[in-house]
Protein backbone atom coordinates (compact mmCIF):
# COMPACT_ATOMS: atom_id res chain seq x y z
CA MET A 1 14.51 -30.30 47.67
CA LYS A 2 17.73 -32.25 47.78
CA LEU A 3 18.23 -35.83 46.69
CA VAL A 4 21.25 -37.58 48.19
CA ALA A 5 22.11 -40.79 46.35
CA PHE A 6 24.56 -43.41 47.58
CA PHE A 7 25.36 -45.67 44.64
CA SER A 8 27.28 -48.93 44.63
CA LEU A 9 29.75 -47.55 42.11
CA ASP A 10 33.31 -46.48 42.84
CA VAL A 11 34.90 -43.47 41.19
CA LEU A 12 38.50 -42.84 40.22
CA GLU A 13 39.72 -39.33 40.96
CA LEU A 14 42.52 -38.37 38.60
CA THR A 15 45.43 -36.19 39.73
CA ASP A 16 44.17 -33.18 37.76
CA GLY A 17 40.79 -33.11 39.55
CA ARG A 18 38.85 -34.90 36.85
CA VAL A 19 36.93 -38.12 37.52
CA GLU A 20 36.35 -41.34 35.60
CA LEU A 21 32.69 -42.44 35.40
CA PRO A 22 30.75 -44.90 33.24
CA ARG A 23 28.50 -43.45 30.52
CA LYS A 24 25.68 -45.77 31.70
CA PHE A 25 25.83 -44.17 35.13
CA LEU A 26 25.81 -40.62 33.72
CA ASP A 27 22.85 -41.47 31.48
CA GLY A 28 20.98 -42.87 34.49
CA ILE A 29 21.61 -39.75 36.56
CA ALA A 30 20.46 -37.57 33.66
CA SER A 31 17.22 -39.56 33.50
CA MET A 32 16.71 -39.28 37.26
CA SER A 33 17.39 -35.56 37.31
CA ALA A 34 14.62 -35.02 34.77
CA GLY A 35 12.14 -36.21 37.42
CA TRP A 36 13.66 -34.58 40.49
CA PRO A 37 12.67 -30.94 41.25
CA GLY A 38 15.87 -29.95 43.03
CA GLU A 39 19.55 -30.56 43.60
CA ILE A 40 21.20 -33.96 43.46
CA ASP A 41 24.22 -35.01 45.51
CA VAL A 42 25.83 -38.27 44.43
CA VAL A 43 28.01 -40.11 46.92
CA LEU A 44 30.47 -42.60 45.45
CA ALA A 45 33.27 -44.47 47.16
CA PRO A 46 36.81 -43.78 45.95
CA ARG A 47 38.51 -46.25 43.63
CA GLY A 48 42.29 -46.23 43.69
CA ARG A 49 43.03 -47.79 40.30
CA LYS A 50 41.93 -47.88 36.68
CA ASP A 51 38.91 -49.97 35.75
CA THR A 52 38.39 -52.08 32.63
CA ASN A 53 34.78 -50.95 32.16
CA LEU A 54 34.40 -50.22 28.45
CA ASP A 55 32.17 -47.16 28.71
CA LEU A 56 34.30 -45.08 31.08
CA GLU A 57 34.56 -41.37 30.40
CA ILE A 58 36.65 -38.67 32.02
CA HIS A 59 34.89 -35.49 33.18
CA ARG A 60 35.67 -32.37 35.12
CA ARG A 61 33.71 -32.40 38.37
CA GLN A 62 32.30 -28.94 37.76
CA ASP A 63 30.81 -30.11 34.44
CA LEU A 64 28.76 -32.90 36.02
CA PRO A 65 24.99 -32.29 36.36
CA PHE A 66 25.16 -33.18 40.06
CA ARG A 67 27.44 -32.54 43.02
CA LEU A 68 29.85 -35.46 43.33
CA ILE A 69 30.95 -36.38 46.84
CA VAL A 70 33.70 -38.98 46.94
CA LYS A 71 33.29 -40.74 50.26
CA ASP A 72 32.78 -44.25 51.54
CA ALA A 73 29.30 -44.43 53.11
CA ARG A 74 30.85 -46.17 56.12
CA ASP A 75 32.84 -43.02 56.93
CA PRO A 76 31.19 -41.47 60.02
CA SER A 77 31.08 -38.07 58.28
CA ALA A 78 28.73 -39.49 55.61
CA ALA A 79 25.84 -39.26 58.10
CA ALA A 80 26.13 -35.46 57.98
CA LEU A 81 24.98 -35.57 54.35
CA LEU A 82 21.54 -36.67 55.53
CA ARG A 83 20.86 -33.34 57.28
CA GLU A 84 20.09 -31.57 54.00
CA ALA A 85 18.35 -34.49 52.27
CA SER A 86 14.69 -34.54 51.32
CA LEU A 87 15.12 -38.09 50.06
CA VAL A 88 18.00 -40.58 50.13
CA LEU A 89 18.54 -43.27 47.52
CA LEU A 90 20.59 -46.26 48.64
CA GLY A 91 22.09 -48.56 46.06
CA VAL A 92 22.18 -52.18 47.17
CA ASP A 93 25.71 -52.42 48.60
CA TYR A 94 27.31 -53.76 51.76
CA ARG A 95 28.69 -50.28 52.46
CA HIS A 96 25.17 -48.84 52.72
CA VAL A 97 23.76 -51.25 55.30
CA ASP A 98 23.86 -48.72 58.15
CA MET A 99 22.54 -45.79 56.09
CA ALA A 100 18.91 -46.98 56.26
CA ARG A 101 19.08 -46.92 60.07
CA LEU A 102 20.67 -43.46 60.00
CA CYS A 103 17.92 -42.21 57.65
CA ARG A 104 15.21 -43.54 59.97
CA SER A 105 16.92 -41.92 62.98
CA ALA A 106 17.12 -38.61 61.12
CA GLY A 107 13.51 -38.84 59.88
CA VAL A 108 14.64 -38.76 56.25
CA PRO A 109 12.72 -40.91 53.75
CA TYR A 110 14.82 -43.33 51.74
CA ALA A 111 14.45 -45.83 48.95
CA VAL A 112 16.67 -48.81 48.22
CA ILE A 113 17.43 -49.29 44.55
CA ALA A 114 19.18 -52.08 42.69
CA GLU A 115 20.10 -50.33 39.45
CA TYR A 116 20.48 -46.80 38.05
CA SER A 117 16.84 -46.33 37.11
CA GLY A 118 14.08 -43.89 37.89
CA HIS A 119 12.07 -46.58 39.68
CA GLY A 120 13.72 -45.90 43.04
CA LEU A 121 13.18 -42.19 42.54
CA GLU A 122 9.46 -42.68 41.84
CA ALA A 123 9.01 -44.84 44.94
CA GLY A 124 10.97 -42.37 47.02
CA LEU A 125 8.96 -39.39 45.79
CA GLU A 126 5.76 -41.22 46.69
CA ALA A 127 7.09 -42.06 50.17
CA ALA A 128 8.33 -38.49 50.70
CA SER A 129 4.91 -37.04 49.83
CA LYS A 130 3.13 -39.05 52.57
């Protein structure tokens, strides 16, 4: 089972291949992954500059507990990510407006979430099991 999550967070890719992500976000993904019985792909839009968020950490992509895909959800190629998804999580964001329609067209269950919590995952798992 594959979870594809589009969050309303942007990520800074550093020149050496590492990425800058908030600790709160990483903690939320860790919590979600404890309840998901498969792989997790996280789709985040690129951010071109430093952020002033106080809990930012720098990580190597290969050390993250999920596959990070840096892509704006409005990019037409983002729809291809739905092909492998068992469930899609959509963070409330203007860039994700069309993704719900694409999920319905592809027959992929989705849940809209407003924060990095397991609540969207639980609702999505329930919807996916019906």
